[in-house]
Amino acid sequence: PRLGRQTEITQPLGALYSLFASVRANGLSATSSVRVLDVRADGVVAAK
């Protein structure tokens, strides 16, 4: 084994982007581990 070049994920500033798409655009696999998916009330976020 030898050192390679670590890929840095770059996002365009001021564009509506998907992190998923940006990761794949950099030649890497894009996956997620879901920790929570539920329905809840949050007054602070609701106001936003």
ModelCIF file with pLDDT and N, C-alpha, C, O atoms, coordinates in Angstrom:
data_MODEL
#
_entry.id   MODEL 
#
_entity.id                         1 
_entity.type                       polymer 
_entity.pdbx_number_of_molecules   1 
#
_entity_poly.entity_id                      1 
_entity_poly.type                           'polypeptide(L)' 
_entity_poly.nstd_linkage                   no 
_entity_poly.nstd_monomer                   no 
_entity_poly.pdbx_seq_one_letter_code       PRLGRQTEITQPLGALYSLFASVRANGLSATSSVRVLDVRADGVVAAK 
_entity_poly.pdbx_seq_one_letter_code_can   PRLGRQTEITQPLGALYSLFASVRANGLSATSSVRVLDVRADGVVAAK 
_entity_poly.pdbx_strand_id                 A 
#
loop_
_entity_poly_seq.entity_id 
_entity_poly_seq.num 
_entity_poly_seq.mon_id 
_entity_poly_seq.hetero 
1 1  PRO n 
1 2  ARG n 
1 3  LEU n 
1 4  GLY n 
1 5  ARG n 
1 6  GLN n 
1 7  THR n 
1 8  GLU n 
1 9  ILE n 
1 10 THR n 
1 11 GLN n 
1 12 PRO n 
1 13 LEU n 
1 14 GLY n 
1 15 ALA n 
1 16 LEU n 
1 17 TYR n 
1 18 SER n 
1 19 LEU n 
1 20 PHE n 
1 21 ALA n 
1 22 SER n 
1 23 VAL n 
1 24 ARG n 
1 25 ALA n 
1 26 ASN n 
1 27 GLY n 
1 28 LEU n 
1 29 SER n 
1 30 ALA n 
1 31 THR n 
1 32 SER n 
1 33 SER n 
1 34 VAL n 
1 35 ARG n 
1 36 VAL n 
1 37 LEU n 
1 38 ASP n 
1 39 VAL n 
1 40 ARG n 
1 41 ALA n 
1 42 ASP n 
1 43 GLY n 
1 44 VAL n 
1 45 VAL n 
1 46 ALA n 
1 47 ALA n 
1 48 LYS n 
#
_struct_asym.id          A 
_struct_asym.entity_id   1 
#
loop_
_ma_qa_metric.id 
_ma_qa_metric.mode 
_ma_qa_metric.name 
_ma_qa_metric.software_group_id 
_ma_qa_metric.type 
1 global pLDDT . pLDDT 
2 local  pLDDT . pLDDT 
#
_ma_qa_metric_global.metric_id      1 
_ma_qa_metric_global.metric_value   77.58 
_ma_qa_metric_global.model_id       1 
_ma_qa_metric_global.ordinal_id     1 
#
loop_
_ma_qa_metric_local.label_asym_id 
_ma_qa_metric_local.label_comp_id 
_ma_qa_metric_local.label_seq_id 
_ma_qa_metric_local.metric_id 
_ma_qa_metric_local.metric_value 
_ma_qa_metric_local.model_id 
_ma_qa_metric_local.ordinal_id 
A PRO 1  2 73.00 1 1  
A ARG 2  2 71.00 1 2  
A LEU 3  2 73.00 1 3  
A GLY 4  2 64.00 1 4  
A ARG 5  2 55.00 1 5  
A GLN 6  2 53.00 1 6  
A THR 7  2 55.00 1 7  
A GLU 8  2 61.00 1 8  
A ILE 9  2 68.00 1 9  
A THR 10 2 65.00 1 10 
A GLN 11 2 61.00 1 11 
A PRO 12 2 64.00 1 12 
A LEU 13 2 67.00 1 13 
A GLY 14 2 60.00 1 14 
A ALA 15 2 59.00 1 15 
A LEU 16 2 57.00 1 16 
A TYR 17 2 62.00 1 17 
A SER 18 2 70.00 1 18 
A LEU 19 2 74.00 1 19 
A PHE 20 2 71.00 1 20 
A ALA 21 2 69.00 1 21 
A SER 22 2 72.00 1 22 
A VAL 23 2 74.00 1 23 
A ARG 24 2 70.00 1 24 
A ALA 25 2 69.00 1 25 
A ASN 26 2 65.00 1 26 
A GLY 27 2 68.00 1 27 
A LEU 28 2 71.00 1 28 
A SER 29 2 77.00 1 29 
A ALA 30 2 83.00 1 30 
A THR 31 2 88.00 1 31 
A SER 32 2 91.00 1 32 
A SER 33 2 93.00 1 33 
A VAL 34 2 95.00 1 34 
A ARG 35 2 95.00 1 35 
A VAL 36 2 96.00 1 36 
A LEU 37 2 97.00 1 37 
A ASP 38 2 97.00 1 38 
A VAL 39 2 98.00 1 39 
A ARG 40 2 97.00 1 40 
A ALA 41 2 97.00 1 41 
A ASP 42 2 97.00 1 42 
A GLY 43 2 97.00 1 43 
A VAL 44 2 97.00 1 44 
A VAL 45 2 97.00 1 45 
A ALA 46 2 98.00 1 46 
A ALA 47 2 97.00 1 47 
A LYS 48 2 96.00 1 48 
#
loop_
_atom_site.group_PDB 
_atom_site.id 
_atom_site.type_symbol 
_atom_site.label_atom_id 
_atom_site.label_alt_id 
_atom_site.label_comp_id 
_atom_site.label_asym_id 
_atom_site.label_entity_id 
_atom_site.label_seq_id 
_atom_site.pdbx_PDB_ins_code 
_atom_site.Cartn_x 
_atom_site.Cartn_y 
_atom_site.Cartn_z 
_atom_site.occupancy 
_atom_site.B_iso_or_equiv 
_atom_site.pdbx_formal_charge 
_atom_site.auth_seq_id 
_atom_site.auth_comp_id 
_atom_site.auth_asym_id 
_atom_site.auth_atom_id 
_atom_site.pdbx_PDB_model_num 
ATOM 1   N N  . PRO A 1 1  ? 0.841   -1.215 0.000  1.00 73.00 ? 1  PRO A N  1 
ATOM 2   C CA . PRO A 1 1  ? 0.000   0.000  0.000  1.00 73.00 ? 1  PRO A CA 1 
ATOM 3   C C  . PRO A 1 1  ? 0.866   1.252  0.000  1.00 73.00 ? 1  PRO A C  1 
ATOM 4   O O  . PRO A 1 1  ? 1.987   1.252  0.509  1.00 73.00 ? 1  PRO A O  1 
ATOM 5   N N  . ARG A 1 2  ? 0.331   2.306  -0.574 1.00 71.00 ? 2  ARG A N  1 
ATOM 6   C CA . ARG A 1 2  ? 1.015   3.603  -0.601 1.00 71.00 ? 2  ARG A CA 1 
ATOM 7   C C  . ARG A 1 2  ? -0.034  4.694  -0.484 1.00 71.00 ? 2  ARG A C  1 
ATOM 8   O O  . ARG A 1 2  ? -1.220  4.455  -0.708 1.00 71.00 ? 2  ARG A O  1 
ATOM 9   N N  . LEU A 1 3  ? 0.408   5.884  -0.133 1.00 73.00 ? 3  LEU A N  1 
ATOM 10  C CA . LEU A 1 3  ? -0.521  6.991  0.000  1.00 73.00 ? 3  LEU A CA 1 
ATOM 11  C C  . LEU A 1 3  ? -1.064  7.404  -1.361 1.00 73.00 ? 3  LEU A C  1 
ATOM 12  O O  . LEU A 1 3  ? -0.329  7.490  -2.345 1.00 73.00 ? 3  LEU A O  1 
ATOM 13  N N  . GLY A 1 4  ? -2.347  7.652  -1.392 1.00 64.00 ? 4  GLY A N  1 
ATOM 14  C CA . GLY A 1 4  ? -2.977  8.197  -2.584 1.00 64.00 ? 4  GLY A CA 1 
ATOM 15  C C  . GLY A 1 4  ? -3.332  9.648  -2.333 1.00 64.00 ? 4  GLY A C  1 
ATOM 16  O O  . GLY A 1 4  ? -2.761  10.298 -1.458 1.00 64.00 ? 4  GLY A O  1 
ATOM 17  N N  . ARG A 1 5  ? -4.254  10.134 -3.088 1.00 55.00 ? 5  ARG A N  1 
ATOM 18  C CA . ARG A 1 5  ? -4.708  11.517 -2.937 1.00 55.00 ? 5  ARG A CA 1 
ATOM 19  C C  . ARG A 1 5  ? -6.134  11.476 -2.413 1.00 55.00 ? 5  ARG A C  1 
ATOM 20  O O  . ARG A 1 5  ? -7.035  11.020 -3.117 1.00 55.00 ? 5  ARG A O  1 
ATOM 21  N N  . GLN A 1 6  ? -6.357  11.946 -1.185 1.00 53.00 ? 6  GLN A N  1 
ATOM 22  C CA . GLN A 1 6  ? -7.685  11.919 -0.597 1.00 53.00 ? 6  GLN A CA 1 
ATOM 23  C C  . GLN A 1 6  ? -8.598  12.916 -1.315 1.00 53.00 ? 6  GLN A C  1 
ATOM 24  O O  . GLN A 1 6  ? -8.241  14.075 -1.524 1.00 53.00 ? 6  GLN A O  1 
ATOM 25  N N  . THR A 1 7  ? -9.771  12.435 -1.680 1.00 55.00 ? 7  THR A N  1 
ATOM 26  C CA . THR A 1 7  ? -10.720 13.272 -2.399 1.00 55.00 ? 7  THR A CA 1 
ATOM 27  C C  . THR A 1 7  ? -11.448 14.199 -1.438 1.00 55.00 ? 7  THR A C  1 
ATOM 28  O O  . THR A 1 7  ? -11.984 13.770 -0.416 1.00 55.00 ? 7  THR A O  1 
ATOM 29  N N  . GLU A 1 8  ? -11.456 15.477 -1.788 1.00 61.00 ? 8  GLU A N  1 
ATOM 30  C CA . GLU A 1 8  ? -12.204 16.457 -1.011 1.00 61.00 ? 8  GLU A CA 1 
ATOM 31  C C  . GLU A 1 8  ? -13.502 16.769 -1.733 1.00 61.00 ? 8  GLU A C  1 
ATOM 32  O O  . GLU A 1 8  ? -13.499 17.027 -2.936 1.00 61.00 ? 8  GLU A O  1 
ATOM 33  N N  . ILE A 1 9  ? -14.618 16.748 -1.003 1.00 68.00 ? 9  ILE A N  1 
ATOM 34  C CA . ILE A 1 9  ? -15.909 17.050 -1.590 1.00 68.00 ? 9  ILE A CA 1 
ATOM 35  C C  . ILE A 1 9  ? -16.052 18.561 -1.706 1.00 68.00 ? 9  ILE A C  1 
ATOM 36  O O  . ILE A 1 9  ? -15.938 19.277 -0.711 1.00 68.00 ? 9  ILE A O  1 
ATOM 37  N N  . THR A 1 10 ? -16.301 19.045 -2.913 1.00 65.00 ? 10 THR A N  1 
ATOM 38  C CA . THR A 1 10 ? -16.443 20.479 -3.149 1.00 65.00 ? 10 THR A CA 1 
ATOM 39  C C  . THR A 1 10 ? -17.860 20.787 -3.570 1.00 65.00 ? 10 THR A C  1 
ATOM 40  O O  . THR A 1 10 ? -18.406 20.137 -4.461 1.00 65.00 ? 10 THR A O  1 
ATOM 41  N N  . GLN A 1 11 ? -18.463 21.785 -2.927 1.00 61.00 ? 11 GLN A N  1 
ATOM 42  C CA . GLN A 1 11 ? -19.815 22.211 -3.260 1.00 61.00 ? 11 GLN A CA 1 
ATOM 43  C C  . GLN A 1 11 ? -19.779 23.623 -3.819 1.00 61.00 ? 11 GLN A C  1 
ATOM 44  O O  . GLN A 1 11 ? -19.012 24.457 -3.338 1.00 61.00 ? 11 GLN A O  1 
ATOM 45  N N  . PRO A 1 12 ? -20.602 23.907 -4.834 1.00 64.00 ? 12 PRO A N  1 
ATOM 46  C CA . PRO A 1 12 ? -20.675 25.279 -5.347 1.00 64.00 ? 12 PRO A CA 1 
ATOM 47  C C  . PRO A 1 12 ? -21.449 26.173 -4.397 1.00 64.00 ? 12 PRO A C  1 
ATOM 48  O O  . PRO A 1 12 ? -22.540 25.816 -3.951 1.00 64.00 ? 12 PRO A O  1 
ATOM 49  N N  . LEU A 1 13 ? -20.896 27.319 -4.090 1.00 67.00 ? 13 LEU A N  1 
ATOM 50  C CA . LEU A 1 13 ? -21.565 28.267 -3.210 1.00 67.00 ? 13 LEU A CA 1 
ATOM 51  C C  . LEU A 1 13 ? -22.658 28.982 -3.991 1.00 67.00 ? 13 LEU A C  1 
ATOM 52  O O  . LEU A 1 13 ? -22.428 29.448 -5.107 1.00 67.00 ? 13 LEU A O  1 
ATOM 53  N N  . GLY A 1 14 ? -23.854 29.070 -3.401 1.00 60.00 ? 14 GLY A N  1 
ATOM 54  C CA . GLY A 1 14 ? -24.949 29.770 -4.044 1.00 60.00 ? 14 GLY A CA 1 
ATOM 55  C C  . GLY A 1 14 ? -25.724 28.930 -5.031 1.00 60.00 ? 14 GLY A C  1 
ATOM 56  O O  . GLY A 1 14 ? -26.492 29.473 -5.825 1.00 60.00 ? 14 GLY A O  1 
ATOM 57  N N  . ALA A 1 15 ? -25.544 27.599 -5.005 1.00 59.00 ? 15 ALA A N  1 
ATOM 58  C CA . ALA A 1 15 ? -26.290 26.719 -5.893 1.00 59.00 ? 15 ALA A CA 1 
ATOM 59  C C  . ALA A 1 15 ? -27.095 25.731 -5.059 1.00 59.00 ? 15 ALA A C  1 
ATOM 60  O O  . ALA A 1 15 ? -26.673 25.338 -3.971 1.00 59.00 ? 15 ALA A O  1 
ATOM 61  N N  . LEU A 1 16 ? -28.248 25.333 -5.568 1.00 57.00 ? 16 LEU A N  1 
ATOM 62  C CA . LEU A 1 16 ? -29.063 24.337 -4.890 1.00 57.00 ? 16 LEU A CA 1 
ATOM 63  C C  . LEU A 1 16 ? -28.475 22.969 -5.208 1.00 57.00 ? 16 LEU A C  1 
ATOM 64  O O  . LEU A 1 16 ? -28.611 22.480 -6.329 1.00 57.00 ? 16 LEU A O  1 
ATOM 65  N N  . TYR A 1 17 ? -27.833 22.358 -4.244 1.00 62.00 ? 17 TYR A N  1 
ATOM 66  C CA . TYR A 1 17 ? -27.113 21.126 -4.504 1.00 62.00 ? 17 TYR A CA 1 
ATOM 67  C C  . TYR A 1 17 ? -27.638 19.983 -3.653 1.00 62.00 ? 17 TYR A C  1 
ATOM 68  O O  . TYR A 1 17 ? -28.336 20.184 -2.660 1.00 62.00 ? 17 TYR A O  1 
ATOM 69  N N  . SER A 1 18 ? -27.281 18.782 -4.071 1.00 70.00 ? 18 SER A N  1 
ATOM 70  C CA . SER A 1 18 ? -27.518 17.587 -3.289 1.00 70.00 ? 18 SER A CA 1 
ATOM 71  C C  . SER A 1 18 ? -26.168 17.032 -2.879 1.00 70.00 ? 18 SER A C  1 
ATOM 72  O O  . SER A 1 18 ? -25.319 16.782 -3.735 1.00 70.00 ? 18 SER A O  1 
ATOM 73  N N  . LEU A 1 19 ? -25.952 16.836 -1.587 1.00 74.00 ? 19 LEU A N  1 
ATOM 74  C CA . LEU A 1 19 ? -24.685 16.278 -1.125 1.00 74.00 ? 19 LEU A CA 1 
ATOM 75  C C  . LEU A 1 19 ? -24.466 14.906 -1.742 1.00 74.00 ? 19 LEU A C  1 
ATOM 76  O O  . LEU A 1 19 ? -23.340 14.543 -2.081 1.00 74.00 ? 19 LEU A O  1 
ATOM 77  N N  . PHE A 1 20 ? -25.546 14.144 -1.886 1.00 71.00 ? 20 PHE A N  1 
ATOM 78  C CA . PHE A 1 20 ? -25.478 12.829 -2.508 1.00 71.00 ? 20 PHE A CA 1 
ATOM 79  C C  . PHE A 1 20 ? -24.867 12.924 -3.909 1.00 71.00 ? 20 PHE A C  1 
ATOM 80  O O  . PHE A 1 20 ? -23.955 12.173 -4.253 1.00 71.00 ? 20 PHE A O  1 
ATOM 81  N N  . ALA A 1 21 ? -25.387 13.861 -4.710 1.00 69.00 ? 21 ALA A N  1 
ATOM 82  C CA . ALA A 1 21 ? -24.897 14.014 -6.077 1.00 69.00 ? 21 ALA A CA 1 
ATOM 83  C C  . ALA A 1 21 ? -23.466 14.517 -6.101 1.00 69.00 ? 21 ALA A C  1 
ATOM 84  O O  . ALA A 1 21 ? -22.678 14.093 -6.947 1.00 69.00 ? 21 ALA A O  1 
ATOM 85  N N  . SER A 1 22 ? -23.114 15.418 -5.184 1.00 72.00 ? 22 SER A N  1 
ATOM 86  C CA . SER A 1 22 ? -21.764 15.971 -5.166 1.00 72.00 ? 22 SER A CA 1 
ATOM 87  C C  . SER A 1 22 ? -20.728 14.915 -4.808 1.00 72.00 ? 22 SER A C  1 
ATOM 88  O O  . SER A 1 22 ? -19.632 14.898 -5.370 1.00 72.00 ? 22 SER A O  1 
ATOM 89  N N  . VAL A 1 23 ? -21.075 14.035 -3.871 1.00 74.00 ? 23 VAL A N  1 
ATOM 90  C CA . VAL A 1 23 ? -20.148 12.960 -3.503 1.00 74.00 ? 23 VAL A CA 1 
ATOM 91  C C  . VAL A 1 23 ? -19.892 12.064 -4.709 1.00 74.00 ? 23 VAL A C  1 
ATOM 92  O O  . VAL A 1 23 ? -18.746 11.726 -5.006 1.00 74.00 ? 23 VAL A O  1 
ATOM 93  N N  . ARG A 1 24 ? -20.960 11.682 -5.400 1.00 70.00 ? 24 ARG A N  1 
ATOM 94  C CA . ARG A 1 24 ? -20.796 10.824 -6.572 1.00 70.00 ? 24 ARG A CA 1 
ATOM 95  C C  . ARG A 1 24 ? -20.051 11.532 -7.697 1.00 70.00 ? 24 ARG A C  1 
ATOM 96  O O  . ARG A 1 24 ? -19.296 10.902 -8.439 1.00 70.00 ? 24 ARG A O  1 
ATOM 97  N N  . ALA A 1 25 ? -20.263 12.838 -7.825 1.00 69.00 ? 25 ALA A N  1 
ATOM 98  C CA . ALA A 1 25 ? -19.562 13.600 -8.854 1.00 69.00 ? 25 ALA A CA 1 
ATOM 99  C C  . ALA A 1 25 ? -18.058 13.617 -8.606 1.00 69.00 ? 25 ALA A C  1 
ATOM 100 O O  . ALA A 1 25 ? -17.274 13.817 -9.533 1.00 69.00 ? 25 ALA A O  1 
ATOM 101 N N  . ASN A 1 26 ? -17.657 13.406 -7.352 1.00 65.00 ? 26 ASN A N  1 
ATOM 102 C CA . ASN A 1 26 ? -16.237 13.349 -7.004 1.00 65.00 ? 26 ASN A CA 1 
ATOM 103 C C  . ASN A 1 26 ? -15.679 11.937 -7.101 1.00 65.00 ? 26 ASN A C  1 
ATOM 104 O O  . ASN A 1 26 ? -14.554 11.679 -6.673 1.00 65.00 ? 26 ASN A O  1 
ATOM 105 N N  . GLY A 1 27 ? -16.468 11.018 -7.667 1.00 68.00 ? 27 GLY A N  1 
ATOM 106 C CA . GLY A 1 27 ? -15.992 9.666  -7.910 1.00 68.00 ? 27 GLY A CA 1 
ATOM 107 C C  . GLY A 1 27 ? -16.055 8.734  -6.731 1.00 68.00 ? 27 GLY A C  1 
ATOM 108 O O  . GLY A 1 27 ? -15.386 7.701  -6.732 1.00 68.00 ? 27 GLY A O  1 
ATOM 109 N N  . LEU A 1 28 ? -16.851 9.067  -5.705 1.00 71.00 ? 28 LEU A N  1 
ATOM 110 C CA . LEU A 1 28 ? -16.958 8.246  -4.506 1.00 71.00 ? 28 LEU A CA 1 
ATOM 111 C C  . LEU A 1 28 ? -18.364 7.671  -4.375 1.00 71.00 ? 28 LEU A C  1 
ATOM 112 O O  . LEU A 1 28 ? -19.330 8.233  -4.892 1.00 71.00 ? 28 LEU A O  1 
ATOM 113 N N  . SER A 1 29 ? -18.462 6.552  -3.681 1.00 77.00 ? 29 SER A N  1 
ATOM 114 C CA . SER A 1 29 ? -19.777 6.009  -3.372 1.00 77.00 ? 29 SER A CA 1 
ATOM 115 C C  . SER A 1 29 ? -20.457 6.892  -2.335 1.00 77.00 ? 29 SER A C  1 
ATOM 116 O O  . SER A 1 29 ? -19.805 7.399  -1.422 1.00 77.00 ? 29 SER A O  1 
ATOM 117 N N  . ALA A 1 30 ? -21.768 7.077  -2.474 1.00 83.00 ? 30 ALA A N  1 
ATOM 118 C CA . ALA A 1 30 ? -22.541 7.913  -1.555 1.00 83.00 ? 30 ALA A CA 1 
ATOM 119 C C  . ALA A 1 30 ? -23.610 7.058  -0.898 1.00 83.00 ? 30 ALA A C  1 
ATOM 120 O O  . ALA A 1 30 ? -24.522 6.571  -1.567 1.00 83.00 ? 30 ALA A O  1 
ATOM 121 N N  . THR A 1 31 ? -23.500 6.874  0.408  1.00 88.00 ? 31 THR A N  1 
ATOM 122 C CA . THR A 1 31 ? -24.473 6.080  1.156  1.00 88.00 ? 31 THR A CA 1 
ATOM 123 C C  . THR A 1 31 ? -24.840 6.805  2.446  1.00 88.00 ? 31 THR A C  1 
ATOM 124 O O  . THR A 1 31 ? -24.178 7.760  2.851  1.00 88.00 ? 31 THR A O  1 
ATOM 125 N N  . SER A 1 32 ? -25.898 6.336  3.077  1.00 91.00 ? 32 SER A N  1 
ATOM 126 C CA . SER A 1 32 ? -26.356 6.933  4.331  1.00 91.00 ? 32 SER A CA 1 
ATOM 127 C C  . SER A 1 32 ? -26.767 5.841  5.303  1.00 91.00 ? 32 SER A C  1 
ATOM 128 O O  . SER A 1 32 ? -27.236 4.772  4.912  1.00 91.00 ? 32 SER A O  1 
ATOM 129 N N  . SER A 1 33 ? -26.579 6.138  6.568  1.00 93.00 ? 33 SER A N  1 
ATOM 130 C CA . SER A 1 33 ? -27.093 5.293  7.648  1.00 93.00 ? 33 SER A CA 1 
ATOM 131 C C  . SER A 1 33 ? -28.168 6.099  8.366  1.00 93.00 ? 33 SER A C  1 
ATOM 132 O O  . SER A 1 33 ? -27.870 7.116  8.992  1.00 93.00 ? 33 SER A O  1 
ATOM 133 N N  . VAL A 1 34 ? -29.417 5.646  8.276  1.00 95.00 ? 34 VAL A N  1 
ATOM 134 C CA . VAL A 1 34 ? -30.532 6.369  8.876  1.00 95.00 ? 34 VAL A CA 1 
ATOM 135 C C  . VAL A 1 34 ? -30.584 6.074  10.369 1.00 95.00 ? 34 VAL A C  1 
ATOM 136 O O  . VAL A 1 34 ? -30.702 4.919  10.779 1.00 95.00 ? 34 VAL A O  1 
ATOM 137 N N  . ARG A 1 35 ? -30.496 7.110  11.167 1.00 95.00 ? 35 ARG A N  1 
ATOM 138 C CA . ARG A 1 35 ? -30.579 6.966  12.613 1.00 95.00 ? 35 ARG A CA 1 
ATOM 139 C C  . ARG A 1 35 ? -32.003 7.176  13.116 1.00 95.00 ? 35 ARG A C  1 
ATOM 140 O O  . ARG A 1 35 ? -32.447 6.485  14.032 1.00 95.00 ? 35 ARG A O  1 
ATOM 141 N N  . VAL A 1 36 ? -32.717 8.124  12.523 1.00 96.00 ? 36 VAL A N  1 
ATOM 142 C CA . VAL A 1 36 ? -34.086 8.430  12.951 1.00 96.00 ? 36 VAL A CA 1 
ATOM 143 C C  . VAL A 1 36 ? -34.913 8.797  11.726 1.00 96.00 ? 36 VAL A C  1 
ATOM 144 O O  . VAL A 1 36 ? -34.449 9.542  10.862 1.00 96.00 ? 36 VAL A O  1 
ATOM 145 N N  . LEU A 1 37 ? -36.132 8.279  11.646 1.00 97.00 ? 37 LEU A N  1 
ATOM 146 C CA . LEU A 1 37 ? -37.119 8.712  10.666 1.00 97.00 ? 37 LEU A CA 1 
ATOM 147 C C  . LEU A 1 37 ? -38.478 8.612  11.354 1.00 97.00 ? 37 LEU A C  1 
ATOM 148 O O  . LEU A 1 37 ? -39.053 7.528  11.450 1.00 97.00 ? 37 LEU A O  1 
ATOM 149 N N  . ASP A 1 38 ? -38.987 9.745  11.831 1.00 97.00 ? 38 ASP A N  1 
ATOM 150 C CA . ASP A 1 38 ? -40.240 9.723  12.566 1.00 97.00 ? 38 ASP A CA 1 
ATOM 151 C C  . ASP A 1 38 ? -40.995 11.039 12.391 1.00 97.00 ? 38 ASP A C  1 
ATOM 152 O O  . ASP A 1 38 ? -40.558 11.928 11.660 1.00 97.00 ? 38 ASP A O  1 
ATOM 153 N N  . VAL A 1 39 ? -42.119 11.145 13.063 1.00 98.00 ? 39 VAL A N  1 
ATOM 154 C CA . VAL A 1 39 ? -42.933 12.354 13.034 1.00 98.00 ? 39 VAL A CA 1 
ATOM 155 C C  . VAL A 1 39 ? -42.910 12.955 14.434 1.00 98.00 ? 39 VAL A C  1 
ATOM 156 O O  . VAL A 1 39 ? -43.105 12.250 15.424 1.00 98.00 ? 39 VAL A O  1 
ATOM 157 N N  . ARG A 1 40 ? -42.673 14.258 14.511 1.00 97.00 ? 40 ARG A N  1 
ATOM 158 C CA . ARG A 1 40 ? -42.567 14.917 15.803 1.00 97.00 ? 40 ARG A CA 1 
ATOM 159 C C  . ARG A 1 40 ? -42.965 16.386 15.670 1.00 97.00 ? 40 ARG A C  1 
ATOM 160 O O  . ARG A 1 40 ? -43.120 16.900 14.563 1.00 97.00 ? 40 ARG A O  1 
ATOM 161 N N  . ALA A 1 41 ? -43.124 17.040 16.794 1.00 97.00 ? 41 ALA A N  1 
ATOM 162 C CA . ALA A 1 41 ? -43.382 18.489 16.821 1.00 97.00 ? 41 ALA A CA 1 
ATOM 163 C C  . ALA A 1 41 ? -42.143 19.187 17.355 1.00 97.00 ? 41 ALA A C  1 
ATOM 164 O O  . ALA A 1 41 ? -41.527 18.728 18.317 1.00 97.00 ? 41 ALA A O  1 
ATOM 165 N N  . ASP A 1 42 ? -41.786 20.293 16.730 1.00 97.00 ? 42 ASP A N  1 
ATOM 166 C CA . ASP A 1 42 ? -40.650 21.100 17.161 1.00 97.00 ? 42 ASP A CA 1 
ATOM 167 C C  . ASP A 1 42 ? -41.009 22.549 16.882 1.00 97.00 ? 42 ASP A C  1 
ATOM 168 O O  . ASP A 1 42 ? -41.000 22.993 15.734 1.00 97.00 ? 42 ASP A O  1 
ATOM 169 N N  . GLY A 1 43 ? -41.324 23.286 17.945 1.00 97.00 ? 43 GLY A N  1 
ATOM 170 C CA . GLY A 1 43 ? -41.793 24.652 17.781 1.00 97.00 ? 43 GLY A CA 1 
ATOM 171 C C  . GLY A 1 43 ? -40.790 25.565 17.126 1.00 97.00 ? 43 GLY A C  1 
ATOM 172 O O  . GLY A 1 43 ? -41.167 26.424 16.328 1.00 97.00 ? 43 GLY A O  1 
ATOM 173 N N  . VAL A 1 44 ? -39.500 25.400 17.448 1.00 97.00 ? 44 VAL A N  1 
ATOM 174 C CA . VAL A 1 44 ? -38.463 26.263 16.896 1.00 97.00 ? 44 VAL A CA 1 
ATOM 175 C C  . VAL A 1 44 ? -38.341 26.045 15.387 1.00 97.00 ? 44 VAL A C  1 
ATOM 176 O O  . VAL A 1 44 ? -38.299 27.006 14.618 1.00 97.00 ? 44 VAL A O  1 
ATOM 177 N N  . VAL A 1 45 ? -38.285 24.776 14.967 1.00 97.00 ? 45 VAL A N  1 
ATOM 178 C CA . VAL A 1 45 ? -38.153 24.484 13.541 1.00 97.00 ? 45 VAL A CA 1 
ATOM 179 C C  . VAL A 1 45 ? -39.428 24.861 12.802 1.00 97.00 ? 45 VAL A C  1 
ATOM 180 O O  . VAL A 1 45 ? -39.367 25.388 11.691 1.00 97.00 ? 45 VAL A O  1 
ATOM 181 N N  . ALA A 1 46 ? -40.589 24.596 13.411 1.00 98.00 ? 46 ALA A N  1 
ATOM 182 C CA . ALA A 1 46 ? -41.850 24.954 12.763 1.00 98.00 ? 46 ALA A CA 1 
ATOM 183 C C  . ALA A 1 46 ? -41.893 26.447 12.455 1.00 98.00 ? 46 ALA A C  1 
ATOM 184 O O  . ALA A 1 46 ? -42.373 26.855 11.397 1.00 98.00 ? 46 ALA A O  1 
ATOM 185 N N  . ALA A 1 47 ? -41.390 27.260 13.385 1.00 97.00 ? 47 ALA A N  1 
ATOM 186 C CA . ALA A 1 47 ? -41.371 28.699 13.160 1.00 97.00 ? 47 ALA A CA 1 
ATOM 187 C C  . ALA A 1 47 ? -40.469 29.060 11.985 1.00 97.00 ? 47 ALA A C  1 
ATOM 188 O O  . ALA A 1 47 ? -40.788 29.965 11.214 1.00 97.00 ? 47 ALA A O  1 
ATOM 189 N N  . LYS A 1 48 ? -39.352 28.362 11.841 1.00 96.00 ? 48 LYS A N  1 
ATOM 190 C CA . LYS A 1 48 ? -38.459 28.613 10.708 1.00 96.00 ? 48 LYS A CA 1 
ATOM 191 C C  . LYS A 1 48 ? -39.154 28.296 9.389  1.00 96.00 ? 48 LYS A C  1 
ATOM 192 O O  . LYS A 1 48 ? -38.556 28.447 8.324  1.00 96.00 ? 48 LYS A O  1 
#
